[in-house]
């Protein structure tokens, strides 16, 4: 996926006289194929400078993981609510309120020196890992015996 972003123009002066213009435009490249994007970046950096590289979990993968985590978190919530009910001398509880939230913001872009990435070979990329979390908090009401 390709997206053009900001466009900046600034004057260049020599001896207090306008001698030209410097232009900077940003493009965003997104891909799930690390080898392909690395190869493309290698070709592009022959004439362009790389400003930053960042990774993020794809929306599809995030949704799958969060759904699995929500299911596990609800099971743990139910188990804890049942334990609390039992320890308080009640056989049942009623769920009054439940809040489910997820987090796991993608790491920010990694700024790189433009001159450092002006090379003839494609950059080596390794995505690493990202922590995804689901939090559940709720209120239960113990049913009277």
Protein backbone atom coordinates (compact mmCIF):
# COMPACT_ATOMS: atom_id res chain seq x y z
CA UNK A 1 0.00 0.00 0.00
CA UNK A 2 1.40 3.41 -0.96
CA UNK A 3 0.36 6.81 0.38
CA UNK A 4 1.84 10.25 -0.29
CA UNK A 5 2.02 12.53 2.73
CA UNK A 6 3.41 15.98 3.50
CA UNK A 7 5.18 18.21 0.97
CA UNK A 8 7.61 20.90 2.12
CA UNK A 9 9.52 23.52 0.16
CA UNK A 10 12.25 25.73 1.61
CA UNK A 11 14.60 28.25 0.04
CA UNK A 12 18.35 27.65 -0.22
CA UNK A 13 20.58 30.72 0.12
CA UNK A 14 24.23 31.26 -0.80
CA UNK A 15 25.89 34.53 0.14
CA UNK A 16 22.50 35.96 1.17
CA UNK A 17 21.12 35.30 -2.32
CA UNK A 18 18.43 32.80 -3.20
CA UNK A 19 20.20 30.05 -5.11
CA UNK A 20 17.52 27.39 -5.28
CA UNK A 21 14.83 25.44 -3.51
CA UNK A 22 14.90 22.30 -1.39
CA UNK A 23 11.84 20.07 -1.61
CA UNK A 24 10.90 17.20 0.69
CA UNK A 25 7.95 14.90 0.23
CA UNK A 26 7.08 11.85 2.25
CA UNK A 27 5.64 8.57 1.05
CA UNK A 28 4.40 5.77 3.25
CA UNK A 29 4.85 2.20 2.12
CA UNK A 30 2.97 -0.60 3.87
CA UNK A 31 3.33 -4.31 3.27
CA UNK A 32 2.98 -7.60 5.08
CA UNK A 33 5.80 -9.04 2.95
CA UNK A 34 9.03 -8.02 4.71
CA UNK A 35 11.31 -9.38 1.98
CA UNK A 36 9.43 -7.51 -0.74
CA UNK A 37 9.37 -4.19 1.13
CA UNK A 38 13.07 -4.53 1.95
CA UNK A 39 13.87 -5.11 -1.71
CA UNK A 40 11.72 -2.14 -2.76
CA UNK A 41 13.40 0.10 -0.18
CA UNK A 42 16.78 -0.98 -1.53
CA UNK A 43 15.78 0.16 -5.01
CA UNK A 44 14.20 3.41 -3.83
CA UNK A 45 17.16 4.48 -1.71
CA UNK A 46 19.30 4.72 -4.84
CA UNK A 47 17.64 8.10 -5.36
CA UNK A 48 15.70 8.77 -2.16
CA UNK A 49 16.51 8.97 1.54
CA UNK A 50 14.73 6.85 4.15
CA UNK A 51 13.45 8.98 7.02
CA UNK A 52 12.06 6.29 9.33
CA UNK A 53 10.96 2.67 9.52
CA UNK A 54 8.21 1.34 11.78
CA UNK A 55 6.27 -1.85 12.30
CA UNK A 56 2.72 -2.54 13.44
CA UNK A 57 0.54 -5.57 13.88
CA UNK A 58 -1.82 -5.85 10.92
CA UNK A 59 -5.48 -5.04 11.67
CA UNK A 60 -6.48 -8.63 10.80
CA UNK A 61 -3.87 -10.16 13.12
CA UNK A 62 -4.71 -7.67 15.89
CA UNK A 63 -8.41 -8.57 15.70
CA UNK A 64 -7.70 -12.32 15.83
CA UNK A 65 -5.38 -12.00 18.82
CA UNK A 66 -7.69 -9.60 20.69
CA UNK A 67 -10.69 -11.91 20.18
CA UNK A 68 -8.69 -14.82 21.63
CA UNK A 69 -7.49 -12.67 24.54
CA UNK A 70 -11.01 -11.40 25.27
CA UNK A 71 -12.31 -14.97 25.42
CA UNK A 72 -9.53 -15.96 27.84
CA UNK A 73 -10.03 -12.83 29.95
CA UNK A 74 -13.78 -13.45 30.28
CA UNK A 75 -13.12 -17.03 31.39
CA UNK A 76 -10.68 -15.75 34.03
CA UNK A 77 -13.15 -13.08 35.15
CA UNK A 78 -15.91 -15.69 35.59
CA UNK A 79 -13.57 -17.95 37.56
CA UNK A 80 -12.54 -15.12 39.86
CA UNK A 81 -16.16 -13.98 40.34
CA UNK A 82 -17.16 -17.56 41.25
CA UNK A 83 -14.25 -17.79 43.72
CA UNK A 84 -15.22 -14.49 45.36
CA UNK A 85 -18.86 -15.61 45.62
CA UNK A 86 -17.85 -18.93 47.20
CA UNK A 87 -15.41 -17.32 49.65
CA UNK A 88 -18.06 -14.81 50.69
CA UNK A 89 -20.52 -17.64 51.39
CA UNK A 90 -22.71 -17.23 48.33
CA UNK A 91 -23.45 -19.81 45.67
CA UNK A 92 -24.21 -17.36 42.86
CA UNK A 93 -23.41 -13.89 41.61
CA UNK A 94 -24.90 -11.50 39.08
CA UNK A 95 -22.82 -9.47 36.66
CA UNK A 96 -23.69 -5.79 37.10
CA UNK A 97 -21.16 -4.12 34.80
CA UNK A 98 -18.19 -5.14 32.66
CA UNK A 99 -15.66 -3.01 30.78
CA UNK A 100 -13.35 -4.52 28.20
CA UNK A 101 -10.46 -2.55 26.75
CA UNK A 102 -7.51 -3.47 24.61
CA UNK A 103 -4.15 -1.86 24.12
CA UNK A 104 -0.96 -2.45 22.30
CA UNK A 105 -0.02 0.67 20.47
CA UNK A 106 2.48 0.13 17.74
CA UNK A 107 5.98 1.32 18.41
CA UNK A 108 6.74 4.69 16.90
CA UNK A 109 8.79 5.11 13.78
CA UNK A 110 12.50 4.64 14.14
CA UNK A 111 14.19 7.80 12.83
CA UNK A 112 17.28 7.07 10.82
CA UNK A 113 19.95 9.29 9.38
CA UNK A 114 19.26 9.81 5.71
CA UNK A 115 22.93 9.64 4.79
CA UNK A 116 23.39 6.40 6.69
CA UNK A 117 20.79 4.61 4.59
CA UNK A 118 22.06 5.77 1.23
CA UNK A 119 23.50 2.41 0.34
CA UNK A 120 23.49 0.07 -2.59
CA UNK A 121 21.93 -2.87 -0.76
CA UNK A 122 18.47 -3.26 0.69
CA UNK A 123 18.12 -2.67 4.42
CA UNK A 124 17.86 -5.69 6.70
CA UNK A 125 14.52 -5.63 8.50
CA UNK A 126 13.39 -7.53 11.58
CA UNK A 127 9.97 -6.73 13.00
CA UNK A 128 10.51 -7.94 16.56
CA UNK A 129 7.46 -8.28 18.77
CA UNK A 130 4.63 -6.18 20.10
CA UNK A 131 2.60 -6.71 23.25
CA UNK A 132 -1.18 -6.82 22.88
CA UNK A 133 -3.28 -6.65 26.02
CA UNK A 134 -6.92 -6.97 26.95
CA UNK A 135 -8.17 -5.73 30.29
CA UNK A 136 -11.49 -6.56 31.86
CA UNK A 137 -12.88 -4.99 34.97
CA UNK A 138 -16.34 -5.38 36.26
CA UNK A 139 -18.78 -5.30 39.11
CA UNK A 140 -20.57 -8.33 40.45
CA UNK A 141 -23.43 -8.53 42.90
CA UNK A 142 -23.60 -11.50 45.24
CA UNK A 143 -27.03 -13.11 45.24
CA UNK A 144 -28.53 -13.59 48.66
CA UNK A 145 -28.97 -17.17 49.85
